Amino acid sequence: MQKNRRKDRKLGANLFTIGFAIYEVPKEAHGHLCPQMHGNKQHLQKDFFLYNASRARSKTYINMREVSQRFRLPPSEYVIVPSTYEPHQEGEFILRVFSEKRNLSEEVENTISVDRPVKKKKPKPIIFVSDRANSNRELGVDQESEEGKDKASPDKREKSPQPRPGNTDQESEEEHRFHDIFKQIAGDDMEICADELKNVLNAVVNKHKDLKTQGFTLESCRSMIALMDTDGSGRLNLQEFHHLWKKIKAWQKIFKHYDTDQSGTINSHEMRNAVNDAGFHLNSQLYNIITMRYADRHMNIDFDSFICCFVRLEGMFRAFNAFDKDGDGIIKLSVLEWLQLTMYA
C-alpha cells in the first residue's frame, strides 16, 4: 500500500505504478551465485535475481493505492520484493502479510555495524577532534593495531613469512615515490594541508592508468584530513598520510573490482556491495541516502565520490564508537560536541 500519495496529490503527485514479486531463498548454496542464503538476513545480490525466477508475483503492475493477492506456497523462507514499475522512483509504502499458518517476518539488513580489526594489545588513546573542548572522551583507532605489529619482538619478526618479491618491489617503489612527493610538497615542517594533500594524491593516482578518474577534489581532501588528523592541527604528517594512503589503496581495490568496464564509475547497486566489502554494514535507508548524496543523475558514483563516502563512513563510525562508552548503541552529545563532529567531518 502506498503512503501519503493522496496527501501529495494536492502538490501534483500521482500514484506510482506498483507491484511485487516473491522469491524463495535457497536452503543450500549453489556456487558463487547463491552463497549460503538460507537464514541470512543480508541483501540478495544482483546475480540472484538474474538466475532465479520468482515463485509468485502480482498479476500486474498498476497505478493504484493498494495491490494485494492471495498465494499458496510450501513451507520455506521467502523474500518479498515490492517495487515500482519505473526504475529509481522513491516512495513510502506499507507491506502487510496475512498468513493462515504461523510465520516470522522481518526486514533484511536491519542492523548497522562496522568491522574492526582485532586488537591484541590495549591501544594508546588518540585525541579526537571532539576533545578539543577539554572533554575527557578518547578515541582508539585501528592504526594502533598496525603499530602493535611493528613493535613485535625481533624473534617474531624473523619468523614472520616474507612477502613475495614481486609485490614487495612494487609496493616499496610506490611508497618510495609518494615519500619523495610528500617531502617535496610538505617542505621543512613535513606536514601538508588540504591543498597540498590534493597535489600529492593526484600525483600518485594519475600513475594508475587503469583507473579513470579526474582526481580528488579539495573538499574530498578536507574530509580526509578531518578523518586522519589526530593532533588537531588541520594538517597531516608523514605517519598520518601513510595510514591514509593504506586505506585509499584498500578502497581503490574494491572500486576497481566493481568497475568491470573501467568506466571510472560504479552504479548504485554495486555501491551497496562495495560498502559491505569495505566492512560497513548499513540498512536500506542509509544505502538510499548514500545514493542520493554521492550518485549522479544516472545513478553512477565516480572514484572521488566513492572515496569521499568511505572517508565519511569511517569518520562517523569512529566518532560514534568513541562516544558510545557502554556499547549500547546510544550516545548523548552537547551542542558543542555535535557541531564539532559535523562541521569538521
C-alpha atoms as a PDB file:
ATOM      1  CA  MET A   1       0.000   0.000   0.000  1.00  0.00           C
ATOM      2  CA  GLN A   2       1.373   3.415  -0.987  1.00  0.00           C
ATOM      3  CA  LYS A   3       1.656   6.002   1.769  1.00  0.00           C
ATOM      4  CA  ASN A   4       0.946   9.745   1.603  1.00  0.00           C
ATOM      5  CA  ARG A   5       0.149   9.727  -2.123  1.00  0.00           C
ATOM      6  CA  ARG A   6      -3.377  11.073  -1.602  1.00  0.00           C
ATOM      7  CA  LYS A   7      -1.977  13.842   0.594  1.00  0.00           C
ATOM      8  CA  ASP A   8       0.644  14.696  -2.022  1.00  0.00           C
ATOM      9  CA  ARG A   9      -1.969  14.766  -4.780  1.00  0.00           C
ATOM     10  CA  LYS A  10      -2.589  18.411  -3.902  1.00  0.00           C
ATOM     11  CA  LEU A  11       1.012  19.065  -4.921  1.00  0.00           C
ATOM     12  CA  GLY A  12       0.526  17.380  -8.281  1.00  0.00           C
ATOM     13  CA  ALA A  13       1.814  13.918  -7.337  1.00  0.00           C
ATOM     14  CA  ASN A  14       0.176  10.860  -8.866  1.00  0.00           C
ATOM     15  CA  LEU A  15       0.072   7.277  -7.680  1.00  0.00           C
ATOM     16  CA  PHE A  16       3.072   5.161  -8.663  1.00  0.00           C
ATOM     17  CA  THR A  17       2.595   2.043 -10.776  1.00  0.00           C
ATOM     18  CA  ILE A  18       3.421  -0.680  -8.239  1.00  0.00           C
ATOM     19  CA  GLY A  19       3.601  -4.444  -7.845  1.00  0.00           C
ATOM     20  CA  PHE A  20       5.613  -7.115  -6.055  1.00  0.00           C
ATOM     21  CA  ALA A  21       7.392 -10.433  -6.525  1.00  0.00           C
ATOM     22  CA  ILE A  22       8.099 -13.316  -4.132  1.00  0.00           C
ATOM     23  CA  TYR A  23      11.369 -15.277  -4.319  1.00  0.00           C
ATOM     24  CA  GLU A  24      12.244 -18.451  -2.449  1.00  0.00           C
ATOM     25  CA  VAL A  25      15.563 -18.336  -0.591  1.00  0.00           C
ATOM     26  CA  PRO A  26      17.690 -21.416  -1.408  1.00  0.00           C
ATOM     27  CA  LYS A  27      18.378 -23.728   1.521  1.00  0.00           C
ATOM     28  CA  GLU A  28      21.784 -24.708   0.156  1.00  0.00           C
ATOM     29  CA  ALA A  29      24.493 -22.851  -1.682  1.00  0.00           C
ATOM     30  CA  HIS A  30      24.694 -23.226  -5.461  1.00  0.00           C
ATOM     31  CA  GLY A  31      28.120 -21.954  -6.457  1.00  0.00           C
ATOM     32  CA  HIS A  32      29.113 -18.320  -6.239  1.00  0.00           C
ATOM     33  CA  LEU A  33      25.667 -17.112  -7.310  1.00  0.00           C
ATOM     34  CA  CYS A  34      23.860 -18.277  -4.171  1.00  0.00           C
ATOM     35  CA  PRO A  35      26.265 -18.318  -1.228  1.00  0.00           C
ATOM     36  CA  GLN A  36      24.537 -19.786   1.847  1.00  0.00           C
ATOM     37  CA  MET A  37      21.439 -17.566   1.872  1.00  0.00           C
ATOM     38  CA  HIS A  38      19.001 -19.562   3.983  1.00  0.00           C
ATOM     39  CA  GLY A  39      18.760 -17.858   7.360  1.00  0.00           C
ATOM     40  CA  ASN A  40      20.936 -14.986   6.145  1.00  0.00           C
ATOM     41  CA  LYS A  41      19.431 -11.526   6.601  1.00  0.00           C
ATOM     42  CA  GLN A  42      21.755  -9.864   4.116  1.00  0.00           C
ATOM     43  CA  HIS A  43      20.652  -8.173   0.909  1.00  0.00           C
ATOM     44  CA  LEU A  44      20.363 -10.557  -2.035  1.00  0.00           C
ATOM     45  CA  GLN A  45      22.922  -9.979  -4.756  1.00  0.00           C
ATOM     46  CA  LYS A  46      22.098  -8.883  -8.277  1.00  0.00           C
ATOM     47  CA  ASP A  47      23.055 -12.293  -9.718  1.00  0.00           C
ATOM     48  CA  PHE A  48      20.426 -13.988  -7.578  1.00  0.00           C
ATOM     49  CA  PHE A  49      17.620 -12.188  -9.416  1.00  0.00           C
ATOM     50  CA  LEU A  50      19.256 -12.803 -12.779  1.00  0.00           C
ATOM     51  CA  TYR A  51      19.367 -16.580 -12.338  1.00  0.00           C
ATOM     52  CA  ASN A  52      16.361 -17.295 -10.093  1.00  0.00           C
ATOM     53  CA  ALA A  53      12.735 -16.942 -11.157  1.00  0.00           C
ATOM     54  CA  SER A  54      10.112 -15.664  -8.743  1.00  0.00           C
ATOM     55  CA  ARG A  55       7.810 -18.220  -7.108  1.00  0.00           C
ATOM     56  CA  ALA A  56       4.852 -15.823  -7.214  1.00  0.00           C
ATOM     57  CA  ARG A  57       4.129 -12.227  -8.191  1.00  0.00           C
ATOM     58  CA  SER A  58       1.293  -9.744  -8.519  1.00  0.00           C
ATOM     59  CA  LYS A  59      -0.811 -10.208 -11.644  1.00  0.00           C
ATOM     60  CA  THR A  60       0.109  -6.802 -12.977  1.00  0.00           C
ATOM     61  CA  TYR A  61       1.775  -3.514 -12.111  1.00  0.00           C
ATOM     62  CA  ILE A  62      -0.911  -0.890 -11.718  1.00  0.00           C
ATOM     63  CA  ASN A  63      -1.190   2.710 -10.524  1.00  0.00           C
ATOM     64  CA  MET A  64      -3.460   2.007  -7.560  1.00  0.00           C
ATOM     65  CA  ARG A  65      -3.016   2.836  -3.901  1.00  0.00           C
ATOM     66  CA  GLU A  66      -3.036  -0.832  -2.919  1.00  0.00           C
ATOM     67  CA  VAL A  67      -2.081  -4.097  -4.632  1.00  0.00           C
ATOM     68  CA  SER A  68      -2.979  -7.414  -2.959  1.00  0.00           C
ATOM     69  CA  GLN A  69      -3.148 -11.068  -3.933  1.00  0.00           C
ATOM     70  CA  ARG A  70      -3.560 -14.489  -2.347  1.00  0.00           C
ATOM     71  CA  PHE A  71      -0.986 -17.269  -2.803  1.00  0.00           C
ATOM     72  CA  ARG A  72      -0.480 -20.835  -1.585  1.00  0.00           C
ATOM     73  CA  LEU A  73       3.229 -21.648  -1.090  1.00  0.00           C
ATOM     74  CA  PRO A  74       5.017 -24.611   0.532  1.00  0.00           C
ATOM     75  CA  PRO A  75       6.813 -24.003   3.859  1.00  0.00           C
ATOM     76  CA  SER A  76      10.138 -22.296   3.219  1.00  0.00           C
ATOM     77  CA  GLU A  77      11.929 -18.980   3.517  1.00  0.00           C
ATOM     78  CA  TYR A  78      10.789 -16.281   1.091  1.00  0.00           C
ATOM     79  CA  VAL A  79      11.704 -12.723   0.185  1.00  0.00           C
ATOM     80  CA  ILE A  80       9.004 -10.251  -0.840  1.00  0.00           C
ATOM     81  CA  VAL A  81      10.272  -7.522  -3.159  1.00  0.00           C
ATOM     82  CA  PRO A  82       7.828  -4.625  -3.670  1.00  0.00           C
ATOM     83  CA  SER A  83       8.786  -2.154  -6.389  1.00  0.00           C
ATOM     84  CA  THR A  84       7.609   0.480  -8.803  1.00  0.00           C
ATOM     85  CA  TYR A  85       7.353  -0.330 -12.494  1.00  0.00           C
ATOM     86  CA  GLU A  86       9.671   2.519 -13.474  1.00  0.00           C
ATOM     87  CA  PRO A  87      13.214   2.466 -12.008  1.00  0.00           C
ATOM     88  CA  HIS A  88      14.564   4.997  -9.488  1.00  0.00           C
ATOM     89  CA  GLN A  89      11.145   6.058  -8.182  1.00  0.00           C
ATOM     90  CA  GLU A  90      11.195   6.518  -4.420  1.00  0.00           C
ATOM     91  CA  GLY A  91       8.076   6.375  -2.286  1.00  0.00           C
ATOM     92  CA  GLU A  92       6.829   5.239   1.099  1.00  0.00           C
ATOM     93  CA  PHE A  93       4.815   2.063   1.409  1.00  0.00           C
ATOM     94  CA  ILE A  94       3.328  -0.418   3.872  1.00  0.00           C
ATOM     95  CA  LEU A  95       3.783  -4.151   3.384  1.00  0.00           C
ATOM     96  CA  ARG A  96       1.260  -6.363   5.183  1.00  0.00           C
ATOM     97  CA  VAL A  97       1.396 -10.166   5.207  1.00  0.00           C
ATOM     98  CA  PHE A  98      -1.609 -12.237   6.326  1.00  0.00           C
ATOM     99  CA  SER A  99      -0.993 -15.944   6.860  1.00  0.00           C
ATOM    100  CA  GLU A 100      -3.182 -18.849   7.857  1.00  0.00           C
ATOM    101  CA  LYS A 101      -0.152 -20.535   9.422  1.00  0.00           C
ATOM    102  CA  ARG A 102       2.274 -19.154  11.953  1.00  0.00           C
ATOM    103  CA  ASN A 103       5.141 -17.243  10.323  1.00  0.00           C
ATOM    104  CA  LEU A 104       8.004 -14.890  11.133  1.00  0.00           C
ATOM    105  CA  SER A 105       8.515 -11.760   9.052  1.00  0.00           C
ATOM    106  CA  GLU A 106      11.314  -9.203   9.347  1.00  0.00           C
ATOM    107  CA  GLU A 107      13.155  -6.645   7.271  1.00  0.00           C
ATOM    108  CA  VAL A 108      16.553  -7.612   5.859  1.00  0.00           C
ATOM    109  CA  GLU A 109      19.613  -5.526   6.681  1.00  0.00           C
ATOM    110  CA  ASN A 110      18.092  -4.033   9.793  1.00  0.00           C
ATOM    111  CA  THR A 111      21.405  -3.865  11.694  1.00  0.00           C
ATOM    112  CA  ILE A 112      24.070  -1.176  11.385  1.00  0.00           C
ATOM    113  CA  SER A 113      27.685  -2.022  12.237  1.00  0.00           C
ATOM    114  CA  VAL A 114      31.288  -1.756  11.104  1.00  0.00           C
ATOM    115  CA  ASP A 115      34.046  -4.363  11.077  1.00  0.00           C
ATOM    116  CA  ARG A 116      37.023  -3.580  13.271  1.00  0.00           C
ATOM    117  CA  PRO A 117      40.416  -5.343  13.398  1.00  0.00           C
ATOM    118  CA  VAL A 118      41.074  -7.443  16.481  1.00  0.00           C
ATOM    119  CA  LYS A 119      43.398  -5.595  18.854  1.00  0.00           C
ATOM    120  CA  LYS A 120      45.671  -7.831  20.875  1.00  0.00           C
ATOM    121  CA  LYS A 121      47.072  -5.005  22.943  1.00  0.00           C
ATOM    122  CA  LYS A 122      45.322  -2.152  24.654  1.00  0.00           C
ATOM    123  CA  PRO A 123      45.511   0.752  22.206  1.00  0.00           C
ATOM    124  CA  LYS A 124      47.066   4.014  23.190  1.00  0.00           C
ATOM    125  CA  PRO A 125      44.334   6.684  23.323  1.00  0.00           C
ATOM    126  CA  ILE A 126      44.333   9.193  20.492  1.00  0.00           C
ATOM    127  CA  ILE A 127      42.638  12.535  20.963  1.00  0.00           C
ATOM    128  CA  PHE A 128      39.822  13.120  18.506  1.00  0.00           C
ATOM    129  CA  VAL A 129      38.608  16.461  17.171  1.00  0.00           C
ATOM    130  CA  SER A 130      35.684  16.482  19.621  1.00  0.00           C
ATOM    131  CA  ASP A 131      38.127  16.501  22.565  1.00  0.00           C
ATOM    132  CA  ARG A 132      39.324  19.995  21.828  1.00  0.00           C
ATOM    133  CA  ALA A 133      36.663  21.381  24.151  1.00  0.00           C
ATOM    134  CA  ASN A 134      38.671  19.844  27.055  1.00  0.00           C
ATOM    135  CA  SER A 135      36.336  16.883  27.328  1.00  0.00           C
ATOM    136  CA  ASN A 136      37.589  13.508  28.574  1.00  0.00           C
ATOM    137  CA  ARG A 137      36.477  11.399  25.633  1.00  0.00           C
ATOM    138  CA  GLU A 138      39.143   9.372  23.830  1.00  0.00           C
ATOM    139  CA  LEU A 139      39.335   7.555  20.576  1.00  0.00           C
ATOM    140  CA  GLY A 140      41.417   4.471  19.731  1.00  0.00           C
ATOM    141  CA  VAL A 141      41.863   3.894  16.015  1.00  0.00           C
ATOM    142  CA  ASP A 142      42.795   0.806  14.084  1.00  0.00           C
ATOM    143  CA  GLN A 143      46.147   2.428  13.348  1.00  0.00           C
ATOM    144  CA  GLU A 144      47.304   1.205  16.761  1.00  0.00           C
ATOM    145  CA  SER A 145      46.774  -2.426  15.770  1.00  0.00           C
ATOM    146  CA  GLU A 146      49.205  -1.940  12.917  1.00  0.00           C
ATOM    147  CA  GLU A 147      51.698  -0.203  15.217  1.00  0.00           C
ATOM    148  CA  GLY A 148      51.424  -3.135  17.621  1.00  0.00           C
ATOM    149  CA  LYS A 149      52.524  -5.460  14.853  1.00  0.00           C
ATOM    150  CA  ASP A 150      55.541  -3.252  14.113  1.00  0.00           C
ATOM    151  CA  LYS A 151      56.590  -3.352  17.774  1.00  0.00           C
ATOM    152  CA  ALA A 152      56.826  -7.164  17.819  1.00  0.00           C
ATOM    153  CA  SER A 153      59.950  -8.804  19.206  1.00  0.00           C
ATOM    154  CA  PRO A 154      62.946  -9.367  16.898  1.00  0.00           C
ATOM    155  CA  ASP A 155      62.442 -13.140  17.063  1.00  0.00           C
ATOM    156  CA  LYS A 156      58.872 -12.820  15.834  1.00  0.00           C
ATOM    157  CA  ARG A 157      59.973 -10.518  13.079  1.00  0.00           C
ATOM    158  CA  GLU A 158      62.488 -13.062  11.844  1.00  0.00           C
ATOM    159  CA  LYS A 159      59.932 -15.865  11.892  1.00  0.00           C
ATOM    160  CA  SER A 160      57.269 -13.925  10.071  1.00  0.00           C
ATOM    161  CA  PRO A 161      56.698 -15.044   6.473  1.00  0.00           C
ATOM    162  CA  GLN A 162      58.306 -12.890   3.848  1.00  0.00           C
ATOM    163  CA  PRO A 163      56.057 -11.377   1.158  1.00  0.00           C
ATOM    164  CA  ARG A 164      56.534 -12.232  -2.458  1.00  0.00           C
ATOM    165  CA  PRO A 165      59.467 -10.395  -4.031  1.00  0.00           C
ATOM    166  CA  GLY A 166      57.403  -9.011  -6.889  1.00  0.00           C
ATOM    167  CA  ASN A 167      54.808  -7.453  -4.616  1.00  0.00           C
ATOM    168  CA  THR A 168      57.473  -6.150  -2.255  1.00  0.00           C
ATOM    169  CA  ASP A 169      59.380  -4.411  -5.035  1.00  0.00           C
ATOM    170  CA  GLN A 170      56.202  -2.894  -6.408  1.00  0.00           C
ATOM    171  CA  GLU A 171      54.978  -1.649  -3.034  1.00  0.00           C
ATOM    172  CA  SER A 172      58.390  -0.345  -1.979  1.00  0.00           C
ATOM    173  CA  GLU A 173      58.739   1.530  -5.260  1.00  0.00           C
ATOM    174  CA  GLU A 174      55.286   3.056  -4.825  1.00  0.00           C
ATOM    175  CA  GLU A 175      55.957   4.013  -1.201  1.00  0.00           C
ATOM    176  CA  HIS A 176      59.314   5.481  -2.137  1.00  0.00           C
ATOM    177  CA  ARG A 177      57.607   7.522  -4.859  1.00  0.00           C
ATOM    178  CA  PHE A 178      54.991   9.080  -2.616  1.00  0.00           C
ATOM    179  CA  HIS A 179      57.568   9.634   0.154  1.00  0.00           C
ATOM    180  CA  ASP A 180      59.578  11.737  -2.285  1.00  0.00           C
ATOM    181  CA  ILE A 181      56.467  13.589  -3.454  1.00  0.00           C
ATOM    182  CA  PHE A 182      55.412  14.175   0.154  1.00  0.00           C
ATOM    183  CA  LYS A 183      58.803  15.638   1.085  1.00  0.00           C
ATOM    184  CA  GLN A 184      58.834  17.909  -1.942  1.00  0.00           C
ATOM    185  CA  ILE A 185      55.371  19.339  -1.251  1.00  0.00           C
ATOM    186  CA  ALA A 186      55.392  19.327   2.572  1.00  0.00           C
ATOM    187  CA  GLY A 187      58.574  21.337   2.958  1.00  0.00           C
ATOM    188  CA  ASP A 188      60.640  21.631   6.129  1.00  0.00           C
ATOM    189  CA  ASP A 189      57.716  21.178   8.553  1.00  0.00           C
ATOM    190  CA  MET A 190      56.869  17.769   6.961  1.00  0.00           C
ATOM    191  CA  GLU A 191      53.124  18.461   7.198  1.00  0.00           C
ATOM    192  CA  ILE A 192      50.603  19.063   4.426  1.00  0.00           C
ATOM    193  CA  CYS A 193      47.311  20.944   4.259  1.00  0.00           C
ATOM    194  CA  ALA A 194      44.268  20.067   2.131  1.00  0.00           C
ATOM    195  CA  ASP A 195      45.646  21.784  -0.998  1.00  0.00           C
ATOM    196  CA  GLU A 196      48.964  20.005  -0.676  1.00  0.00           C
ATOM    197  CA  LEU A 197      47.246  16.685   0.034  1.00  0.00           C
ATOM    198  CA  LYS A 198      45.279  17.102  -3.184  1.00  0.00           C
ATOM    199  CA  ASN A 199      48.512  17.553  -5.142  1.00  0.00           C
ATOM    200  CA  VAL A 200      50.150  14.515  -3.511  1.00  0.00           C
ATOM    201  CA  LEU A 201      47.213  12.145  -4.035  1.00  0.00           C
ATOM    202  CA  ASN A 202      46.522  13.229  -7.592  1.00  0.00           C
ATOM    203  CA  ALA A 203      50.199  12.871  -8.493  1.00  0.00           C
ATOM    204  CA  VAL A 204      50.163   9.261  -7.278  1.00  0.00           C
ATOM    205  CA  VAL A 205      46.689   8.307  -8.566  1.00  0.00           C
ATOM    206  CA  ASN A 206      47.476   9.618 -12.038  1.00  0.00           C
ATOM    207  CA  LYS A 207      50.174   6.941 -12.278  1.00  0.00           C
ATOM    208  CA  HIS A 208      47.417   4.306 -12.314  1.00  0.00           C
ATOM    209  CA  LYS A 209      46.409   4.337 -15.971  1.00  0.00           C
ATOM    210  CA  ASP A 210      43.822   1.606 -15.417  1.00  0.00           C
ATOM    211  CA  LEU A 211      41.867   3.878 -13.058  1.00  0.00           C
ATOM    212  CA  LYS A 212      39.850   6.504 -14.943  1.00  0.00           C
ATOM    213  CA  THR A 213      39.437   9.485 -12.639  1.00  0.00           C
ATOM    214  CA  GLN A 214      39.790  13.240 -12.775  1.00  0.00           C
ATOM    215  CA  GLY A 215      41.467  13.192  -9.385  1.00  0.00           C
ATOM    216  CA  PHE A 216      40.407  14.217  -5.918  1.00  0.00           C
ATOM    217  CA  THR A 217      38.617  17.477  -5.204  1.00  0.00           C
ATOM    218  CA  LEU A 218      39.633  19.904  -2.480  1.00  0.00           C
ATOM    219  CA  GLU A 219      36.520  19.062  -0.467  1.00  0.00           C
ATOM    220  CA  SER A 220      37.391  15.363  -0.502  1.00  0.00           C
ATOM    221  CA  CYS A 221      40.902  16.132   0.749  1.00  0.00           C
ATOM    222  CA  ARG A 222      39.497  18.248   3.567  1.00  0.00           C
ATOM    223  CA  SER A 223      37.354  15.294   4.632  1.00  0.00           C
ATOM    224  CA  MET A 224      40.419  13.033   4.554  1.00  0.00           C
ATOM    225  CA  ILE A 225      42.354  15.391   6.793  1.00  0.00           C
ATOM    226  CA  ALA A 226      39.422  15.509   9.213  1.00  0.00           C
ATOM    227  CA  LEU A 227      39.486  11.702   9.335  1.00  0.00           C
ATOM    228  CA  MET A 228      43.224  11.253   9.904  1.00  0.00           C
ATOM    229  CA  ASP A 229      44.115  14.460  11.771  1.00  0.00           C
ATOM    230  CA  THR A 230      44.736  13.069  15.274  1.00  0.00           C
ATOM    231  CA  ASP A 231      46.668  16.027  16.711  1.00  0.00           C
ATOM    232  CA  GLY A 232      44.117  18.698  15.810  1.00  0.00           C
ATOM    233  CA  SER A 233      46.489  20.708  13.630  1.00  0.00           C
ATOM    234  CA  GLY A 234      44.370  20.614  10.487  1.00  0.00           C
ATOM    235  CA  ARG A 235      47.355  19.120   8.664  1.00  0.00           C
ATOM    236  CA  LEU A 236      48.788  15.654   8.104  1.00  0.00           C
ATOM    237  CA  ASN A 237      52.275  14.494   8.966  1.00  0.00           C
ATOM    238  CA  LEU A 238      54.015  11.648   7.144  1.00  0.00           C
ATOM    239  CA  GLN A 239      52.724   8.956   9.523  1.00  0.00           C
ATOM    240  CA  GLU A 240      49.119  10.143   9.255  1.00  0.00           C
ATOM    241  CA  PHE A 241      49.425  10.398   5.484  1.00  0.00           C
ATOM    242  CA  HIS A 242      50.904   6.906   5.253  1.00  0.00           C
ATOM    243  CA  HIS A 243      47.964   5.453   7.204  1.00  0.00           C
ATOM    244  CA  LEU A 244      45.531   7.352   4.983  1.00  0.00           C
ATOM    245  CA  TRP A 245      47.235   6.044   1.848  1.00  0.00           C
ATOM    246  CA  LYS A 246      46.850   2.447   3.041  1.00  0.00           C
ATOM    247  CA  LYS A 247      43.124   2.990   3.417  1.00  0.00           C
ATOM    248  CA  ILE A 248      42.813   4.604  -0.001  1.00  0.00           C
ATOM    249  CA  LYS A 249      44.658   1.694  -1.619  1.00  0.00           C
ATOM    250  CA  ALA A 250      42.330  -0.817   0.049  1.00  0.00           C
ATOM    251  CA  TRP A 251      39.254   1.135  -1.063  1.00  0.00           C
ATOM    252  CA  GLN A 252      40.737   1.538  -4.541  1.00  0.00           C
ATOM    253  CA  LYS A 253      40.936  -2.252  -4.924  1.00  0.00           C
ATOM    254  CA  ILE A 254      37.250  -2.526  -4.049  1.00  0.00           C
ATOM    255  CA  PHE A 255      36.339   0.176  -6.566  1.00  0.00           C
ATOM    256  CA  LYS A 256      38.339  -1.468  -9.362  1.00  0.00           C
ATOM    257  CA  HIS A 257      36.728  -4.829  -8.551  1.00  0.00           C
ATOM    258  CA  TYR A 258      33.249  -3.445  -9.277  1.00  0.00           C
ATOM    259  CA  ASP A 259      34.306  -1.103 -12.096  1.00  0.00           C
ATOM    260  CA  THR A 260      34.464  -4.025 -14.509  1.00  0.00           C
ATOM    261  CA  ASP A 261      34.015  -1.910 -17.643  1.00  0.00           C
ATOM    262  CA  GLN A 262      36.747   0.528 -16.477  1.00  0.00           C
ATOM    263  CA  SER A 263      34.434   3.489 -16.996  1.00  0.00           C
ATOM    264  CA  GLY A 264      35.611   5.188 -13.823  1.00  0.00           C
ATOM    265  CA  THR A 265      32.190   4.782 -12.186  1.00  0.00           C
ATOM    266  CA  ILE A 266      30.111   2.119 -10.443  1.00  0.00           C
ATOM    267  CA  ASN A 267      26.337   2.026 -10.234  1.00  0.00           C
ATOM    268  CA  SER A 268      24.276   2.374  -7.079  1.00  0.00           C
ATOM    269  CA  HIS A 269      23.624  -1.371  -6.804  1.00  0.00           C
ATOM    270  CA  GLU A 270      27.344  -2.145  -6.965  1.00  0.00           C
ATOM    271  CA  MET A 271      27.933   0.573  -4.377  1.00  0.00           C
ATOM    272  CA  ARG A 272      25.825  -1.373  -1.902  1.00  0.00           C
ATOM    273  CA  ASN A 273      28.092  -4.403  -2.297  1.00  0.00           C
ATOM    274  CA  ALA A 274      31.238  -2.269  -2.210  1.00  0.00           C
ATOM    275  CA  VAL A 275      30.228  -0.658   1.086  1.00  0.00           C
ATOM    276  CA  ASN A 276      29.642  -4.096   2.555  1.00  0.00           C
ATOM    277  CA  ASP A 277      33.016  -5.354   1.278  1.00  0.00           C
ATOM    278  CA  ALA A 278      34.709  -2.414   2.999  1.00  0.00           C
ATOM    279  CA  GLY A 279      33.290  -3.576   6.336  1.00  0.00           C
ATOM    280  CA  PHE A 280      30.366  -1.154   6.670  1.00  0.00           C
ATOM    281  CA  HIS A 281      27.027  -2.877   7.216  1.00  0.00           C
ATOM    282  CA  LEU A 282      24.098  -0.500   6.707  1.00  0.00           C
ATOM    283  CA  ASN A 283      20.349  -0.724   6.230  1.00  0.00           C
ATOM    284  CA  SER A 284      18.344   0.130   3.130  1.00  0.00           C
ATOM    285  CA  GLN A 285      17.536   3.639   4.311  1.00  0.00           C
ATOM    286  CA  LEU A 286      21.227   4.517   4.636  1.00  0.00           C
ATOM    287  CA  TYR A 287      22.050   2.967   1.265  1.00  0.00           C
ATOM    288  CA  ASN A 288      19.387   5.183  -0.300  1.00  0.00           C
ATOM    289  CA  ILE A 289      20.902   8.220   1.426  1.00  0.00           C
ATOM    290  CA  ILE A 290      24.354   7.339   0.058  1.00  0.00           C
ATOM    291  CA  THR A 291      22.943   7.067  -3.465  1.00  0.00           C
ATOM    292  CA  MET A 292      21.104  10.365  -3.137  1.00  0.00           C
ATOM    293  CA  ARG A 293      24.212  12.120  -1.740  1.00  0.00           C
ATOM    294  CA  TYR A 294      27.009  10.716  -3.922  1.00  0.00           C
ATOM    295  CA  ALA A 295      25.485   9.419  -7.186  1.00  0.00           C
ATOM    296  CA  ASP A 296      24.939  11.487 -10.327  1.00  0.00           C
ATOM    297  CA  ARG A 297      21.678  11.754 -12.267  1.00  0.00           C
ATOM    298  CA  HIS A 298      22.441   8.437 -13.961  1.00  0.00           C
ATOM    299  CA  MET A 299      22.787   6.740 -10.538  1.00  0.00           C
ATOM    300  CA  ASN A 300      26.556   6.282 -11.018  1.00  0.00           C
ATOM    301  CA  ILE A 301      29.293   7.059  -8.486  1.00  0.00           C
ATOM    302  CA  ASP A 302      32.765   8.151  -9.571  1.00  0.00           C
ATOM    303  CA  PHE A 303      36.029   7.373  -7.770  1.00  0.00           C
ATOM    304  CA  ASP A 304      36.283  10.693  -5.933  1.00  0.00           C
ATOM    305  CA  SER A 305      32.737  10.430  -4.566  1.00  0.00           C
ATOM    306  CA  PHE A 306      33.379   6.779  -3.738  1.00  0.00           C
ATOM    307  CA  ILE A 307      36.416   7.596  -1.576  1.00  0.00           C
ATOM    308  CA  CYS A 308      34.685  10.616  -0.049  1.00  0.00           C
ATOM    309  CA  CYS A 309      31.764   8.395   1.006  1.00  0.00           C
ATOM    310  CA  PHE A 310      34.077   5.845   2.631  1.00  0.00           C
ATOM    311  CA  VAL A 311      36.003   8.580   4.432  1.00  0.00           C
ATOM    312  CA  ARG A 312      32.749   9.940   5.846  1.00  0.00           C
ATOM    313  CA  LEU A 313      31.557   6.486   6.931  1.00  0.00           C
ATOM    314  CA  GLU A 314      34.891   5.699   8.573  1.00  0.00           C
ATOM    315  CA  GLY A 315      34.940   9.012  10.413  1.00  0.00           C
ATOM    316  CA  MET A 316      31.345   8.890  11.651  1.00  0.00           C
ATOM    317  CA  PHE A 317      31.586   5.277  12.837  1.00  0.00           C
ATOM    318  CA  ARG A 318      34.861   6.093  14.576  1.00  0.00           C
ATOM    319  CA  ALA A 319      33.362   9.152  16.278  1.00  0.00           C
ATOM    320  CA  PHE A 320      30.254   7.269  17.392  1.00  0.00           C
ATOM    321  CA  ASN A 321      32.277   4.421  18.881  1.00  0.00           C
ATOM    322  CA  ALA A 322      34.382   6.941  20.773  1.00  0.00           C
ATOM    323  CA  PHE A 323      31.303   8.412  22.449  1.00  0.00           C
ATOM    324  CA  ASP A 324      29.490   5.101  22.920  1.00  0.00           C
ATOM    325  CA  LYS A 325      31.370   4.111  26.071  1.00  0.00           C
ATOM    326  CA  ASP A 326      28.922   1.446  27.272  1.00  0.00           C
ATOM    327  CA  GLY A 327      28.353  -0.018  23.797  1.00  0.00           C
ATOM    328  CA  ASP A 328      24.554   0.232  23.882  1.00  0.00           C
ATOM    329  CA  GLY A 329      24.346   1.969  20.508  1.00  0.00           C
ATOM    330  CA  ILE A 330      23.124   5.251  22.011  1.00  0.00           C
ATOM    331  CA  ILE A 331      25.148   8.407  22.629  1.00  0.00           C
ATOM    332  CA  LYS A 332      24.384  11.786  24.173  1.00  0.00           C
ATOM    333  CA  LEU A 333      26.117  14.866  22.804  1.00  0.00           C
ATOM    334  CA  SER A 334      26.142  18.505  23.777  1.00  0.00           C
ATOM    335  CA  VAL A 335      25.585  21.166  21.132  1.00  0.00           C
ATOM    336  CA  LEU A 336      29.330  21.891  21.108  1.00  0.00           C
ATOM    337  CA  GLU A 337      30.275  18.252  20.615  1.00  0.00           C
ATOM    338  CA  TRP A 338      27.657  17.792  17.890  1.00  0.00           C
ATOM    339  CA  LEU A 339      28.835  20.851  15.974  1.00  0.00           C
ATOM    340  CA  GLN A 340      32.486  19.838  16.316  1.00  0.00           C
ATOM    341  CA  LEU A 341      31.736  16.421  14.837  1.00  0.00           C
ATOM    342  CA  THR A 342      29.558  17.565  11.959  1.00  0.00           C
ATOM    343  CA  MET A 343      31.407  20.740  10.983  1.00  0.00           C
ATOM    344  CA  TYR A 344      34.841  19.100  10.867  1.00  0.00           C
ATOM    345  CA  ALA A 345      33.770  15.776   9.359  1.00  0.00           C
END
